Amino acid sequence: GLSQYSSDPRTEWDLSAFSTREQVLEAVRNLRYKGGNTFTGLALTHVLEQNLKPEAGARLEAEKLVILLTDGKSQDDANLAAQTLKNLGIEIFAIGVKNADEAELRQVASEPLELTVYNVLDFPLLGSLVGKLTRVLCARIKERSLKETTDTPVNTGPQLSPTDLKISAVTSKSMHLAWSPPVRPPKKYRVVYYPSKGGTPKEVVLEGAESSVQLSNLTSHTEYVVSVIPVYDTAPGHGLRGVTSTLPLSSPRSLRVSELSHNSLRLSWKAAQGATHYLVLCSAAPDAAED
């Protein structure tokens, strides 16, 4: 599977899209570069919510690997999103090119860093990494698969998921989420939310017995994407996803002018709910306009 990202991540193809090496190579040849900003945290959240779910071809019993390729420093919190993936047993390899921040690559990548972090000066030099990276990836998959087989049996049954996400009590800076829990409660829930036009993802972690949460300190008049992801012992389950917009801030109403004199006037208005201050701007009318 492959996704490109800037301020809005985009899935190019899912894990289940192709079944042969030739098909994948053809898709790579037809890939068009997506320019823009570098919101790596948002991209990693997109991978978890969109690319590593059963509908996209992710198999519960399969090892989950993410290879991050970036040529710049992230403009949001990549470390928090990466830690969420790693906590779920997803291994991250970080490859930097040109202006990538090596300290950030080392934060994002899984241990051991000598196997999972790579940095080259320019794109043509990526070719030199292919052989080593291929061997490391294959070895890690075999090693992890063997460890899970000998240590703990892999649960191949379907993960039960919550249903019926309801978003209510929406204000300019908050909203309430509620959902119907699955028959078998998960260990925890991850609630991830971020502005749909790009922004730093934020996250709330709840115990599995919870089935609602209040999101606060939101930005007014902004469309938010919210996801509720159940987390079981072996892997994340299929999450719920919703989109809603916070309300605009209320405005003052019924502006009135009184007590006019040659150099003063009085203004009055109906208050705007929640306002703590007002900014009053006054300027002379332009030429030819009514004073």
Foldseek 3Di string as FASTA:
>chain_A
DDWDDAQAIDDLAEPPRDDDPVVVVVSVVVDDDDDHHAALLNNLVCCQQPRQAVVRPHALLAAAEEEAEEAEEHPADNLVSLVVCVVQRYFYAYEYEAHYDQVVRQSNGDPPNVLRYYYDHHDVCVVVCVVSNVVSVVVVRVVVSVCCVVPDPRDRDADWEWDDWDWDPFAQFKIKIFTHAGPDFAQKKWKWKDFNSGDYIDIDIGGRVDGMDMGGRHHGFTKMKIKIWGRHPNGIHNIDIDIDHHHHFFDWADWDWDDDDPPDIDIDTHDGPPDPDDDDDDDDDDPPDDD
